[in-house]
Amino acid sequence: QVQLVESGGGLVQAGGSLKLSCRVSGRALSFYVLAWFRQAPGKEREFVAVINGGGTSPVYADSVKGRFTISRDNAKNTLALQMSSLKPEDTAVYYCASGGTFSLRSRDYLYWGQGTQVTVSS
């Protein structure tokens, strides 16, 4: 069993920055792929970024490429998402997820956090 708890969400102005964290507990973190997804009101959950067990080869959604950075620290059991140049369209609930497959599809992830709200004002 793996448990994930996000933190760091909040209200920020457009152009600003915010860093999300996800604390992961349970089985050996290095075995798991970790990812960030987000869901805006009235929209489906969408992929944001994913990183492999070793912390290399991150993949980003086109909409956040060059603005967001995903990272992980297996020794500290944490996943992070550094977000910069934020836009109002980045407003959503952000979720961290873990699974055994390097995937951009939410259905491939077994464990999910409860989510943290990010609101970007214009």
Protein backbone atom coordinates (compact mmCIF):
# COMPACT_ATOMS: atom_id res chain seq x y z
CA GLN A 1 0.00 0.00 0.00
CA VAL A 2 1.26 3.45 -0.93
CA GLN A 3 -0.04 6.70 0.52
CA LEU A 4 0.47 10.11 -1.04
CA VAL A 5 -0.16 13.52 0.52
CA GLU A 6 0.14 16.73 -1.49
CA SER A 7 0.90 20.17 -0.12
CA GLY A 8 1.91 23.60 -1.34
CA GLY A 9 -1.14 24.69 -3.26
CA GLY A 10 -2.56 28.18 -2.95
CA LEU A 11 -3.47 31.42 -4.68
CA VAL A 12 -0.90 33.12 -6.90
CA GLN A 13 -0.96 35.88 -9.48
CA ALA A 14 -0.37 35.19 -13.14
CA GLY A 15 3.34 35.08 -13.87
CA GLY A 16 4.13 33.90 -10.37
CA SER A 17 5.60 30.67 -9.06
CA LEU A 18 4.51 27.91 -6.74
CA LYS A 19 6.06 24.64 -5.61
CA LEU A 20 3.96 21.58 -4.90
CA SER A 21 5.21 18.70 -2.78
CA CYS A 22 3.97 15.16 -2.40
CA ARG A 23 5.03 12.99 0.49
CA VAL A 24 4.97 9.29 -0.33
CA SER A 25 4.84 6.52 2.24
CA GLY A 26 4.67 2.79 1.92
CA ARG A 27 6.82 0.54 -0.20
CA ALA A 28 10.24 1.39 -1.61
CA LEU A 29 9.75 4.61 -3.49
CA SER A 30 12.39 3.94 -6.11
CA PHE A 31 10.27 1.14 -7.60
CA TYR A 32 7.47 3.49 -8.53
CA VAL A 33 6.85 5.87 -11.35
CA LEU A 34 5.53 9.17 -9.98
CA ALA A 35 3.41 11.70 -11.80
CA TRP A 36 1.38 14.86 -11.46
CA PHE A 37 -2.08 15.27 -12.90
CA ARG A 38 -4.56 18.12 -12.60
CA GLN A 39 -8.27 18.61 -12.92
CA ALA A 40 -10.00 21.92 -13.57
CA PRO A 41 -13.70 22.42 -12.81
CA GLY A 42 -15.87 20.77 -15.42
CA LYS A 43 -12.91 19.14 -17.15
CA GLU A 44 -11.36 15.70 -17.16
CA ARG A 45 -8.24 14.94 -15.21
CA GLU A 46 -5.19 15.64 -17.39
CA PHE A 47 -1.56 14.64 -17.35
CA VAL A 48 1.00 17.23 -16.25
CA ALA A 49 4.36 15.49 -15.75
CA VAL A 50 5.88 12.10 -14.99
CA ILE A 51 9.26 10.93 -13.75
CA ASN A 52 10.75 7.44 -13.53
CA GLY A 53 11.96 5.62 -10.44
CA GLY A 54 15.52 6.84 -10.81
CA GLY A 55 14.49 10.47 -11.14
CA THR A 56 15.52 10.79 -14.76
CA SER A 57 13.77 11.15 -18.12
CA PRO A 58 10.89 13.41 -17.10
CA VAL A 59 8.08 13.94 -19.57
CA TYR A 60 5.81 16.98 -19.58
CA ALA A 61 2.52 17.94 -21.11
CA ASP A 62 3.00 20.44 -23.93
CA SER A 63 0.97 22.99 -22.00
CA VAL A 64 3.50 23.12 -19.14
CA LYS A 65 6.77 22.34 -20.92
CA GLY A 66 9.42 24.90 -20.13
CA ARG A 67 7.45 26.27 -17.17
CA PHE A 68 7.10 23.29 -14.81
CA THR A 69 9.81 21.01 -13.42
CA ILE A 70 9.14 17.63 -11.82
CA SER A 71 11.67 16.14 -9.42
CA ARG A 72 11.87 13.44 -6.79
CA ASP A 73 14.01 12.64 -3.79
CA ASN A 74 13.81 8.92 -3.04
CA ALA A 75 15.82 9.30 0.16
CA LYS A 76 13.23 11.73 1.51
CA ASN A 77 10.24 10.00 -0.09
CA THR A 78 9.10 13.15 -1.81
CA LEU A 79 7.95 14.29 -5.22
CA ALA A 80 7.91 17.94 -6.22
CA LEU A 81 6.50 20.12 -8.98
CA GLN A 82 8.08 23.54 -9.40
CA MET A 83 5.71 25.75 -11.34
CA SER A 84 6.72 29.09 -12.80
CA SER A 85 5.23 31.62 -15.22
CA LEU A 86 1.84 30.47 -14.03
CA LYS A 87 -1.23 31.24 -16.12
CA PRO A 88 -4.91 31.41 -15.16
CA GLU A 89 -5.47 28.25 -17.20
CA ASP A 90 -3.18 26.40 -14.79
CA THR A 91 -5.91 26.73 -12.16
CA ALA A 92 -6.90 23.23 -11.06
CA VAL A 93 -6.68 20.65 -8.32
CA TYR A 94 -3.28 19.01 -8.63
CA TYR A 95 -2.83 15.35 -7.78
CA CYS A 96 0.28 13.24 -7.35
CA ALA A 97 0.06 9.60 -8.36
CA SER A 98 2.23 6.51 -8.25
CA GLY A 99 2.27 3.35 -10.30
CA GLY A 100 4.38 0.69 -11.92
CA THR A 101 4.11 1.87 -15.51
CA PHE A 102 5.69 4.92 -17.10
CA SER A 103 2.50 6.35 -18.51
CA LEU A 104 0.68 9.57 -19.34
CA ARG A 105 -2.70 7.98 -18.70
CA SER A 106 -4.38 8.41 -15.34
CA ARG A 107 -5.89 4.93 -15.51
CA ASP A 108 -2.41 3.39 -15.29
CA TYR A 109 -1.78 4.80 -11.81
CA LEU A 110 -2.69 2.78 -8.76
CA TYR A 111 -2.36 5.27 -5.94
CA TRP A 112 -3.46 8.88 -5.68
CA GLY A 113 -3.21 11.72 -3.25
CA GLN A 114 -6.19 13.78 -2.16
CA GLY A 115 -5.21 16.78 -4.28
CA THR A 116 -4.17 20.36 -3.61
CA GLN A 117 -5.85 23.43 -5.10
CA VAL A 118 -3.86 25.83 -7.24
CA THR A 119 -5.55 29.06 -8.24
CA VAL A 120 -3.90 31.56 -10.59
CA SER A 121 -5.49 34.99 -10.74
CA SER A 122 -5.23 37.20 -13.79
